[in-house]
Amino acid sequence: VHPPEADDAPDDCVLFFGCSYTFGEGVGDTEAMPYVVGTLAQGRYRVRNFGFSGYGPHHMLAAIETGFVARAARCTPRFAVYQAHPH
């Protein structure tokens, strides 16, 4: 889930990748890091959360290489954040 976006929101976006930490497992939708970053950005960027429980860097790479991210994001990436559990 990402913060609400205005119809005239810029095309620039921040993409988040990672495991359940990024996805927001165990917290409310508005408490997940990507949602909070989107709120703090105050509409300067669209936010896309590609985190999922158990995902690692190989999942991120596959999603990018197959074009899934480009099709799903529908924005121009300016930043990408990868977050994962340290072990």
N, C-alpha and C. Protein backbone atom coordinates (compact mmCIF):
# COMPACT_ATOMS: atom_id res chain seq x y z
N VAL A 1 0.85 -1.17 0.00
CA VAL A 1 0.00 0.00 0.00
C VAL A 1 0.89 1.23 0.00
N HIS A 2 0.53 2.21 -0.78
CA HIS A 2 1.28 3.46 -0.80
C HIS A 2 0.36 4.61 -0.41
N PRO A 3 0.93 5.74 -0.01
CA PRO A 3 0.10 6.88 0.36
C PRO A 3 -0.77 7.33 -0.81
N PRO A 4 -1.88 7.97 -0.52
CA PRO A 4 -2.72 8.47 -1.62
C PRO A 4 -1.91 9.42 -2.51
N GLU A 5 -2.20 9.38 -3.80
CA GLU A 5 -1.49 10.23 -4.76
C GLU A 5 -2.47 11.16 -5.44
N ALA A 6 -2.07 12.39 -5.61
CA ALA A 6 -2.89 13.36 -6.34
C ALA A 6 -2.83 13.04 -7.83
N ASP A 7 -3.85 13.41 -8.54
CA ASP A 7 -3.87 13.17 -9.99
C ASP A 7 -2.71 13.84 -10.70
N ASP A 8 -2.26 14.96 -10.16
CA ASP A 8 -1.16 15.69 -10.79
C ASP A 8 0.19 15.42 -10.12
N ALA A 9 0.29 14.29 -9.42
CA ALA A 9 1.55 13.92 -8.76
C ALA A 9 2.65 13.77 -9.80
N PRO A 10 3.88 14.09 -9.45
CA PRO A 10 4.98 13.95 -10.41
C PRO A 10 5.17 12.49 -10.80
N ASP A 11 5.82 12.30 -11.93
CA ASP A 11 6.06 10.94 -12.43
C ASP A 11 7.23 10.27 -11.71
N ASP A 12 8.04 11.03 -10.99
CA ASP A 12 9.19 10.48 -10.27
C ASP A 12 8.73 9.60 -9.11
N CYS A 13 9.47 8.51 -8.87
CA CYS A 13 9.08 7.63 -7.78
C CYS A 13 10.29 7.04 -7.06
N VAL A 14 9.99 6.51 -5.89
CA VAL A 14 10.97 5.79 -5.08
C VAL A 14 10.48 4.34 -5.03
N LEU A 15 11.35 3.41 -5.38
CA LEU A 15 11.01 1.99 -5.37
C LEU A 15 11.62 1.34 -4.15
N PHE A 16 10.84 0.56 -3.44
CA PHE A 16 11.34 -0.17 -2.27
C PHE A 16 11.33 -1.66 -2.56
N PHE A 17 12.43 -2.32 -2.24
CA PHE A 17 12.58 -3.76 -2.43
C PHE A 17 13.06 -4.36 -1.12
N GLY A 18 12.72 -5.62 -0.89
CA GLY A 18 13.23 -6.30 0.28
C GLY A 18 12.28 -7.35 0.80
N CYS A 19 12.52 -7.73 2.03
CA CYS A 19 11.79 -8.82 2.67
C CYS A 19 10.59 -8.28 3.45
N SER A 20 10.18 -9.03 4.45
CA SER A 20 9.00 -8.67 5.24
C SER A 20 9.17 -7.34 5.97
N TYR A 21 10.42 -6.94 6.25
CA TYR A 21 10.64 -5.63 6.87
C TYR A 21 10.14 -4.53 5.95
N THR A 22 10.47 -4.64 4.69
CA THR A 22 10.04 -3.64 3.72
C THR A 22 8.54 -3.74 3.48
N PHE A 23 8.06 -4.96 3.33
CA PHE A 23 6.64 -5.19 3.10
C PHE A 23 5.79 -4.60 4.21
N GLY A 24 6.29 -4.68 5.44
CA GLY A 24 5.54 -4.15 6.58
C GLY A 24 4.85 -5.23 7.38
N GLU A 25 5.40 -6.43 7.34
CA GLU A 25 4.83 -7.56 8.09
C GLU A 25 4.71 -7.22 9.57
N GLY A 26 3.51 -7.35 10.12
CA GLY A 26 3.29 -7.14 11.54
C GLY A 26 2.96 -5.72 11.95
N VAL A 27 2.95 -4.80 10.99
CA VAL A 27 2.57 -3.42 11.30
C VAL A 27 1.42 -3.00 10.38
N GLY A 28 0.76 -1.94 10.74
CA GLY A 28 -0.32 -1.43 9.90
C GLY A 28 0.22 -0.87 8.59
N ASP A 29 -0.62 -0.82 7.58
CA ASP A 29 -0.20 -0.33 6.27
C ASP A 29 0.46 1.04 6.35
N THR A 30 -0.07 1.92 7.17
CA THR A 30 0.47 3.28 7.27
C THR A 30 1.74 3.34 8.11
N GLU A 31 2.14 2.22 8.71
CA GLU A 31 3.36 2.17 9.52
C GLU A 31 4.55 1.57 8.79
N ALA A 32 4.32 0.98 7.62
CA ALA A 32 5.42 0.40 6.84
C ALA A 32 6.34 1.52 6.34
N MET A 33 7.63 1.24 6.28
CA MET A 33 8.60 2.26 5.91
C MET A 33 8.29 2.94 4.57
N PRO A 34 7.94 2.21 3.51
CA PRO A 34 7.64 2.90 2.25
C PRO A 34 6.48 3.90 2.39
N TYR A 35 5.46 3.53 3.13
CA TYR A 35 4.32 4.44 3.31
C TYR A 35 4.77 5.69 4.06
N VAL A 36 5.56 5.50 5.11
CA VAL A 36 6.03 6.64 5.91
C VAL A 36 6.90 7.56 5.05
N VAL A 37 7.80 6.99 4.26
CA VAL A 37 8.64 7.80 3.37
C VAL A 37 7.78 8.58 2.39
N GLY A 38 6.77 7.93 1.83
CA GLY A 38 5.87 8.62 0.90
C GLY A 38 5.15 9.77 1.57
N THR A 39 4.74 9.57 2.81
CA THR A 39 4.07 10.64 3.55
C THR A 39 5.03 11.80 3.81
N LEU A 40 6.24 11.48 4.23
CA LEU A 40 7.23 12.52 4.49
C LEU A 40 7.66 13.27 3.23
N ALA A 41 7.60 12.61 2.08
CA ALA A 41 7.96 13.24 0.81
C ALA A 41 6.91 14.26 0.37
N GLN A 42 5.75 14.22 0.97
CA GLN A 42 4.67 15.19 0.73
C GLN A 42 4.36 15.38 -0.75
N GLY A 43 4.25 14.27 -1.47
CA GLY A 43 3.85 14.34 -2.87
C GLY A 43 4.95 14.60 -3.86
N ARG A 44 6.19 14.75 -3.41
CA ARG A 44 7.29 14.99 -4.35
C ARG A 44 7.63 13.73 -5.15
N TYR A 45 7.33 12.57 -4.57
CA TYR A 45 7.60 11.29 -5.24
C TYR A 45 6.43 10.35 -5.04
N ARG A 46 6.19 9.53 -6.03
CA ARG A 46 5.29 8.40 -5.86
C ARG A 46 6.09 7.31 -5.16
N VAL A 47 5.46 6.43 -4.45
CA VAL A 47 6.16 5.36 -3.74
C VAL A 47 5.60 4.01 -4.18
N ARG A 48 6.50 3.06 -4.44
CA ARG A 48 6.09 1.72 -4.81
C ARG A 48 6.80 0.72 -3.90
N ASN A 49 6.04 -0.13 -3.25
CA ASN A 49 6.58 -1.12 -2.31
C ASN A 49 6.58 -2.50 -2.96
N PHE A 50 7.75 -2.98 -3.33
CA PHE A 50 7.89 -4.31 -3.92
C PHE A 50 8.42 -5.32 -2.91
N GLY A 51 8.33 -5.00 -1.63
CA GLY A 51 8.77 -5.92 -0.60
C GLY A 51 7.79 -7.08 -0.44
N PHE A 52 8.31 -8.24 -0.04
CA PHE A 52 7.48 -9.42 0.19
C PHE A 52 8.22 -10.35 1.14
N SER A 53 7.48 -11.01 1.97
CA SER A 53 8.08 -11.91 2.96
C SER A 53 9.01 -12.93 2.30
N GLY A 54 10.24 -12.99 2.78
CA GLY A 54 11.20 -13.96 2.28
C GLY A 54 11.98 -13.51 1.06
N TYR A 55 11.67 -12.35 0.50
CA TYR A 55 12.37 -11.91 -0.71
C TYR A 55 13.80 -11.49 -0.40
N GLY A 56 14.68 -11.78 -1.34
CA GLY A 56 16.08 -11.40 -1.25
C GLY A 56 16.48 -10.63 -2.49
N PRO A 57 17.77 -10.33 -2.61
CA PRO A 57 18.23 -9.54 -3.75
C PRO A 57 17.99 -10.23 -5.09
N HIS A 58 17.99 -11.56 -5.10
CA HIS A 58 17.75 -12.28 -6.36
C HIS A 58 16.31 -12.08 -6.83
N HIS A 59 15.37 -11.92 -5.92
CA HIS A 59 13.98 -11.64 -6.31
C HIS A 59 13.87 -10.23 -6.89
N MET A 60 14.57 -9.28 -6.27
CA MET A 60 14.58 -7.92 -6.78
C MET A 60 15.14 -7.89 -8.21
N LEU A 61 16.27 -8.55 -8.40
CA LEU A 61 16.90 -8.58 -9.71
C LEU A 61 15.98 -9.21 -10.76
N ALA A 62 15.35 -10.32 -10.42
CA ALA A 62 14.44 -10.98 -11.36
C ALA A 62 13.26 -10.08 -11.71
N ALA A 63 12.71 -9.38 -10.71
CA ALA A 63 11.57 -8.49 -10.96
C ALA A 63 11.97 -7.35 -11.90
N ILE A 64 13.19 -6.86 -11.75
CA ILE A 64 13.65 -5.78 -12.62
C ILE A 64 13.95 -6.31 -14.03
N GLU A 65 14.69 -7.42 -14.10
CA GLU A 65 15.09 -7.95 -15.41
C GLU A 65 13.93 -8.43 -16.26
N THR A 66 12.89 -8.94 -15.65
CA THR A 66 11.75 -9.44 -16.42
C THR A 66 10.78 -8.32 -16.84
N GLY A 67 11.01 -7.11 -16.34
CA GLY A 67 10.14 -6.00 -16.69
C GLY A 67 8.94 -5.84 -15.77
N PHE A 68 8.83 -6.72 -14.77
CA PHE A 68 7.70 -6.64 -13.84
C PHE A 68 7.65 -5.29 -13.14
N VAL A 69 8.80 -4.81 -12.68
CA VAL A 69 8.84 -3.55 -11.94
C VAL A 69 8.39 -2.40 -12.83
N ALA A 70 8.89 -2.34 -14.03
CA ALA A 70 8.51 -1.26 -14.95
C ALA A 70 7.02 -1.27 -15.24
N ARG A 71 6.46 -2.46 -15.47
CA ARG A 71 5.02 -2.56 -15.75
C ARG A 71 4.17 -2.20 -14.54
N ALA A 72 4.59 -2.63 -13.36
CA ALA A 72 3.78 -2.42 -12.16
C ALA A 72 3.94 -1.02 -11.58
N ALA A 73 5.14 -0.44 -11.68
CA ALA A 73 5.40 0.86 -11.04
C ALA A 73 4.70 2.00 -11.77
N ARG A 74 4.75 1.98 -13.10
CA ARG A 74 4.14 3.03 -13.90
C ARG A 74 4.58 4.43 -13.45
N CYS A 75 5.89 4.59 -13.28
CA CYS A 75 6.47 5.88 -12.91
C CYS A 75 7.95 5.85 -13.28
N THR A 76 8.63 6.97 -13.12
CA THR A 76 10.05 7.06 -13.44
C THR A 76 10.86 6.94 -12.16
N PRO A 77 11.56 5.82 -11.97
CA PRO A 77 12.34 5.64 -10.74
C PRO A 77 13.45 6.68 -10.61
N ARG A 78 13.51 7.30 -9.46
CA ARG A 78 14.60 8.23 -9.13
C ARG A 78 15.48 7.65 -8.05
N PHE A 79 14.88 6.84 -7.19
CA PHE A 79 15.61 6.21 -6.10
C PHE A 79 15.10 4.79 -5.93
N ALA A 80 15.98 3.91 -5.49
CA ALA A 80 15.60 2.55 -5.13
C ALA A 80 16.20 2.24 -3.77
N VAL A 81 15.42 1.62 -2.92
CA VAL A 81 15.86 1.26 -1.58
C VAL A 81 15.72 -0.25 -1.43
N TYR A 82 16.80 -0.90 -1.02
CA TYR A 82 16.74 -2.32 -0.73
C TYR A 82 16.99 -2.49 0.76
N GLN A 83 16.07 -3.17 1.42
CA GLN A 83 16.16 -3.41 2.87
C GLN A 83 15.90 -4.89 3.11
N ALA A 84 16.73 -5.49 3.97
CA ALA A 84 16.54 -6.90 4.27
C ALA A 84 16.99 -7.23 5.68
N HIS A 85 16.54 -8.37 6.13
CA HIS A 85 16.99 -8.89 7.42
C HIS A 85 18.47 -9.21 7.30
N PRO A 86 19.27 -8.93 8.31
CA PRO A 86 20.73 -9.06 8.17
C PRO A 86 21.30 -10.46 8.12
N HIS A 87 20.49 -11.50 8.17
CA HIS A 87 21.12 -12.83 8.12
C HIS A 87 20.66 -13.61 6.94
